[in-house]
Amino acid sequence: MIPKSFQIMGFTIKIQITDDIDDHSDGRYVGAQEKIDIRPVSSKLTSDYQEQIFWHEAVHCILQMQSYDKLDKDEAFVDRIAQCLWQIDKTRKPK
């Protein structure tokens, strides 16, 4: 499930579902605006994939806030961590 917002390091990051994203991307983190934009669910984008995009952009947010610039530019690394976080979130069991 994608939250409407989350807090990290004293900032509130808002999540916006929008088609107003570059054609080559399904999501983006905009640090200067403290937001994550993600494309809406469609015939080309499932809800599971949308959640994975959220985690991918959340990893970018974390890395940028921690000044890990080299890792932030490593899309394969970001995607691997995001996939792990998505799976943890998707399979967690309530107490």
N, C-alpha and C. Protein backbone atom coordinates (compact mmCIF):
# COMPACT_ATOMS: atom_id res chain seq x y z
N MET A 1 0.84 -1.18 0.00
CA MET A 1 0.00 0.00 0.00
C MET A 1 0.89 1.25 0.00
N ILE A 2 0.53 2.19 -0.80
CA ILE A 2 1.30 3.42 -0.91
C ILE A 2 0.71 4.46 0.04
N PRO A 3 1.55 5.02 0.92
CA PRO A 3 1.04 6.04 1.85
C PRO A 3 0.82 7.37 1.12
N LYS A 4 0.08 8.26 1.77
CA LYS A 4 -0.09 9.62 1.23
C LYS A 4 1.14 10.46 1.51
N SER A 5 1.85 10.09 2.60
CA SER A 5 3.08 10.78 2.97
C SER A 5 3.83 9.93 3.99
N PHE A 6 5.08 10.30 4.23
CA PHE A 6 5.85 9.69 5.32
C PHE A 6 6.86 10.73 5.81
N GLN A 7 7.37 10.52 7.02
CA GLN A 7 8.35 11.45 7.57
C GLN A 7 9.71 10.79 7.63
N ILE A 8 10.71 11.60 7.31
CA ILE A 8 12.09 11.13 7.36
C ILE A 8 13.00 12.33 7.65
N MET A 9 13.82 12.20 8.67
CA MET A 9 14.81 13.22 9.03
C MET A 9 14.19 14.62 9.16
N GLY A 10 13.03 14.69 9.76
CA GLY A 10 12.39 15.98 9.99
C GLY A 10 11.62 16.53 8.80
N PHE A 11 11.55 15.80 7.71
CA PHE A 11 10.81 16.23 6.53
C PHE A 11 9.60 15.34 6.32
N THR A 12 8.54 15.92 5.79
CA THR A 12 7.38 15.14 5.38
C THR A 12 7.42 15.03 3.86
N ILE A 13 7.51 13.81 3.38
CA ILE A 13 7.55 13.54 1.95
C ILE A 13 6.14 13.16 1.51
N LYS A 14 5.60 13.93 0.58
CA LYS A 14 4.25 13.67 0.07
C LYS A 14 4.34 12.79 -1.16
N ILE A 15 3.36 11.90 -1.31
CA ILE A 15 3.30 11.04 -2.47
C ILE A 15 2.12 11.47 -3.32
N GLN A 16 2.40 11.68 -4.60
CA GLN A 16 1.37 12.13 -5.54
C GLN A 16 1.26 11.12 -6.67
N ILE A 17 0.04 10.67 -6.94
CA ILE A 17 -0.22 9.80 -8.08
C ILE A 17 -0.57 10.71 -9.25
N THR A 18 0.25 10.66 -10.30
CA THR A 18 0.07 11.59 -11.40
C THR A 18 0.66 11.04 -12.70
N ASP A 19 0.11 11.48 -13.82
CA ASP A 19 0.68 11.16 -15.13
C ASP A 19 1.70 12.21 -15.55
N ASP A 20 1.86 13.25 -14.75
CA ASP A 20 2.77 14.35 -15.09
C ASP A 20 4.21 13.99 -14.74
N ILE A 21 4.73 12.98 -15.44
CA ILE A 21 6.09 12.47 -15.22
C ILE A 21 6.72 12.29 -16.60
N ASP A 22 8.03 12.42 -16.69
CA ASP A 22 8.73 12.17 -17.96
C ASP A 22 8.27 10.86 -18.59
N ASP A 23 8.23 10.82 -19.90
CA ASP A 23 7.77 9.64 -20.63
C ASP A 23 8.57 8.38 -20.33
N HIS A 24 9.84 8.51 -20.02
CA HIS A 24 10.70 7.35 -19.81
C HIS A 24 10.68 6.82 -18.37
N SER A 25 9.88 7.42 -17.50
CA SER A 25 9.90 7.07 -16.09
C SER A 25 8.49 6.84 -15.55
N ASP A 26 8.38 5.93 -14.59
CA ASP A 26 7.09 5.69 -13.94
C ASP A 26 7.02 6.32 -12.56
N GLY A 27 8.15 6.90 -12.10
CA GLY A 27 8.17 7.55 -10.81
C GLY A 27 9.38 8.45 -10.69
N ARG A 28 9.34 9.34 -9.71
CA ARG A 28 10.49 10.22 -9.46
C ARG A 28 10.40 10.78 -8.04
N TYR A 29 11.58 10.99 -7.47
CA TYR A 29 11.68 11.68 -6.19
C TYR A 29 12.17 13.08 -6.49
N VAL A 30 11.44 14.08 -5.99
CA VAL A 30 11.81 15.48 -6.20
C VAL A 30 12.16 16.06 -4.82
N GLY A 31 13.44 16.00 -4.49
CA GLY A 31 13.89 16.42 -3.16
C GLY A 31 13.58 17.87 -2.84
N ALA A 32 13.76 18.73 -3.81
CA ALA A 32 13.53 20.16 -3.59
C ALA A 32 12.07 20.46 -3.24
N GLN A 33 11.16 19.59 -3.67
CA GLN A 33 9.74 19.78 -3.39
C GLN A 33 9.22 18.80 -2.34
N GLU A 34 10.13 17.97 -1.81
CA GLU A 34 9.78 16.98 -0.79
C GLU A 34 8.58 16.15 -1.22
N LYS A 35 8.70 15.52 -2.41
CA LYS A 35 7.59 14.71 -2.92
C LYS A 35 8.10 13.57 -3.80
N ILE A 36 7.26 12.57 -3.89
CA ILE A 36 7.45 11.45 -4.80
C ILE A 36 6.24 11.44 -5.73
N ASP A 37 6.49 11.42 -7.02
CA ASP A 37 5.43 11.30 -8.02
C ASP A 37 5.46 9.89 -8.57
N ILE A 38 4.29 9.28 -8.71
CA ILE A 38 4.18 7.92 -9.23
C ILE A 38 3.01 7.88 -10.21
N ARG A 39 3.21 7.19 -11.33
CA ARG A 39 2.13 7.04 -12.30
C ARG A 39 0.98 6.23 -11.70
N PRO A 40 -0.25 6.50 -12.15
CA PRO A 40 -1.41 5.74 -11.66
C PRO A 40 -1.42 4.31 -12.24
N VAL A 41 -2.16 3.43 -11.56
CA VAL A 41 -2.36 2.07 -12.05
C VAL A 41 -3.09 2.16 -13.39
N SER A 42 -2.65 1.31 -14.33
CA SER A 42 -3.25 1.29 -15.66
C SER A 42 -3.06 -0.10 -16.25
N SER A 43 -3.40 -0.24 -17.50
CA SER A 43 -3.20 -1.54 -18.16
C SER A 43 -1.71 -1.87 -18.28
N LYS A 44 -0.85 -0.85 -18.24
CA LYS A 44 0.59 -1.06 -18.34
C LYS A 44 1.29 -1.06 -16.98
N LEU A 45 0.59 -0.67 -15.93
CA LEU A 45 1.22 -0.52 -14.62
C LEU A 45 0.30 -1.13 -13.55
N THR A 46 0.69 -2.29 -13.02
CA THR A 46 -0.12 -2.96 -12.00
C THR A 46 0.04 -2.29 -10.64
N SER A 47 -0.83 -2.63 -9.72
CA SER A 47 -0.73 -2.05 -8.38
C SER A 47 0.55 -2.55 -7.68
N ASP A 48 0.94 -3.81 -7.90
CA ASP A 48 2.20 -4.31 -7.32
C ASP A 48 3.39 -3.53 -7.86
N TYR A 49 3.41 -3.30 -9.17
CA TYR A 49 4.51 -2.54 -9.76
C TYR A 49 4.50 -1.09 -9.25
N GLN A 50 3.34 -0.52 -9.07
CA GLN A 50 3.24 0.84 -8.54
C GLN A 50 3.84 0.90 -7.13
N GLU A 51 3.58 -0.12 -6.32
CA GLU A 51 4.17 -0.18 -4.98
C GLU A 51 5.69 -0.31 -5.06
N GLN A 52 6.18 -1.10 -6.00
CA GLN A 52 7.62 -1.25 -6.16
C GLN A 52 8.26 0.08 -6.58
N ILE A 53 7.56 0.83 -7.42
CA ILE A 53 8.05 2.15 -7.80
C ILE A 53 8.12 3.06 -6.57
N PHE A 54 7.10 3.00 -5.71
CA PHE A 54 7.14 3.79 -4.48
C PHE A 54 8.40 3.48 -3.68
N TRP A 55 8.69 2.19 -3.48
CA TRP A 55 9.86 1.83 -2.69
C TRP A 55 11.15 2.25 -3.39
N HIS A 56 11.20 2.15 -4.69
CA HIS A 56 12.36 2.59 -5.45
C HIS A 56 12.62 4.08 -5.20
N GLU A 57 11.58 4.88 -5.28
CA GLU A 57 11.73 6.32 -5.07
C GLU A 57 12.02 6.63 -3.60
N ALA A 58 11.48 5.84 -2.68
CA ALA A 58 11.77 6.03 -1.26
C ALA A 58 13.25 5.76 -0.98
N VAL A 59 13.83 4.77 -1.65
CA VAL A 59 15.27 4.50 -1.50
C VAL A 59 16.07 5.68 -2.03
N HIS A 60 15.68 6.24 -3.16
CA HIS A 60 16.35 7.45 -3.66
C HIS A 60 16.28 8.56 -2.60
N CYS A 61 15.13 8.73 -2.00
CA CYS A 61 14.95 9.75 -0.96
C CYS A 61 15.93 9.52 0.19
N ILE A 62 15.99 8.30 0.68
CA ILE A 62 16.89 7.97 1.79
C ILE A 62 18.35 8.25 1.42
N LEU A 63 18.76 7.78 0.26
CA LEU A 63 20.15 7.95 -0.16
C LEU A 63 20.51 9.42 -0.36
N GLN A 64 19.61 10.18 -0.94
CA GLN A 64 19.88 11.61 -1.13
C GLN A 64 19.95 12.33 0.21
N MET A 65 19.06 12.00 1.12
CA MET A 65 19.08 12.67 2.43
C MET A 65 20.32 12.31 3.24
N GLN A 66 20.89 11.15 2.98
CA GLN A 66 22.09 10.72 3.68
C GLN A 66 23.37 11.06 2.90
N SER A 67 23.21 11.75 1.77
CA SER A 67 24.33 12.18 0.92
C SER A 67 25.15 11.02 0.35
N TYR A 68 24.48 9.91 0.03
CA TYR A 68 25.13 8.80 -0.65
C TYR A 68 24.92 8.98 -2.15
N ASP A 69 25.58 9.98 -2.71
CA ASP A 69 25.37 10.36 -4.10
C ASP A 69 25.73 9.25 -5.09
N LYS A 70 26.83 8.56 -4.84
CA LYS A 70 27.25 7.50 -5.75
C LYS A 70 26.22 6.37 -5.77
N LEU A 71 25.77 5.94 -4.60
CA LEU A 71 24.77 4.88 -4.54
C LEU A 71 23.43 5.33 -5.12
N ASP A 72 23.09 6.60 -4.92
CA ASP A 72 21.83 7.13 -5.44
C ASP A 72 21.79 7.07 -6.96
N LYS A 73 22.93 7.17 -7.60
CA LYS A 73 22.99 7.13 -9.06
C LYS A 73 23.04 5.69 -9.61
N ASP A 74 23.23 4.72 -8.73
CA ASP A 74 23.31 3.31 -9.12
C ASP A 74 21.90 2.72 -9.13
N GLU A 75 21.24 2.80 -10.29
CA GLU A 75 19.84 2.38 -10.40
C GLU A 75 19.65 0.90 -10.09
N ALA A 76 20.61 0.06 -10.45
CA ALA A 76 20.50 -1.36 -10.13
C ALA A 76 20.51 -1.59 -8.62
N PHE A 77 21.41 -0.89 -7.91
CA PHE A 77 21.45 -0.98 -6.46
C PHE A 77 20.15 -0.50 -5.84
N VAL A 78 19.69 0.66 -6.27
CA VAL A 78 18.44 1.23 -5.75
C VAL A 78 17.29 0.25 -5.97
N ASP A 79 17.23 -0.34 -7.16
CA ASP A 79 16.14 -1.26 -7.48
C ASP A 79 16.21 -2.53 -6.64
N ARG A 80 17.39 -3.05 -6.39
CA ARG A 80 17.52 -4.26 -5.56
C ARG A 80 17.06 -4.01 -4.13
N ILE A 81 17.47 -2.90 -3.56
CA ILE A 81 17.05 -2.56 -2.20
C ILE A 81 15.53 -2.34 -2.17
N ALA A 82 15.02 -1.64 -3.16
CA ALA A 82 13.58 -1.37 -3.24
C ALA A 82 12.77 -2.67 -3.33
N GLN A 83 13.26 -3.62 -4.12
CA GLN A 83 12.56 -4.91 -4.26
C GLN A 83 12.52 -5.63 -2.92
N CYS A 84 13.62 -5.59 -2.18
CA CYS A 84 13.64 -6.22 -0.85
C CYS A 84 12.65 -5.54 0.10
N LEU A 85 12.65 -4.22 0.12
CA LEU A 85 11.72 -3.50 0.99
C LEU A 85 10.27 -3.77 0.61
N TRP A 86 9.99 -3.80 -0.69
CA TRP A 86 8.63 -4.09 -1.15
C TRP A 86 8.21 -5.48 -0.69
N GLN A 87 9.09 -6.46 -0.82
CA GLN A 87 8.75 -7.82 -0.42
C GLN A 87 8.53 -7.92 1.09
N ILE A 88 9.36 -7.25 1.87
CA ILE A 88 9.16 -7.22 3.32
C ILE A 88 7.79 -6.63 3.64
N ASP A 89 7.49 -5.50 3.02
CA ASP A 89 6.21 -4.82 3.26
C ASP A 89 5.04 -5.71 2.83
N LYS A 90 5.17 -6.36 1.68
CA LYS A 90 4.08 -7.16 1.10
C LYS A 90 3.82 -8.43 1.90
N THR A 91 4.85 -9.00 2.53
CA THR A 91 4.70 -10.29 3.19
C THR A 91 4.69 -10.23 4.72
N ARG A 92 4.74 -9.02 5.27
CA ARG A 92 4.78 -8.92 6.74
C ARG A 92 3.48 -9.43 7.34
N LYS A 93 3.61 -10.02 8.50
CA LYS A 93 2.47 -10.59 9.23
C LYS A 93 2.16 -9.71 10.43
N PRO A 94 0.88 -9.45 10.67
CA PRO A 94 0.54 -8.64 11.85
C PRO A 94 0.83 -9.43 13.13
N LYS A 95 1.04 -8.73 14.21
CA LYS A 95 1.31 -9.39 15.51
C LYS A 95 0.14 -10.21 15.96
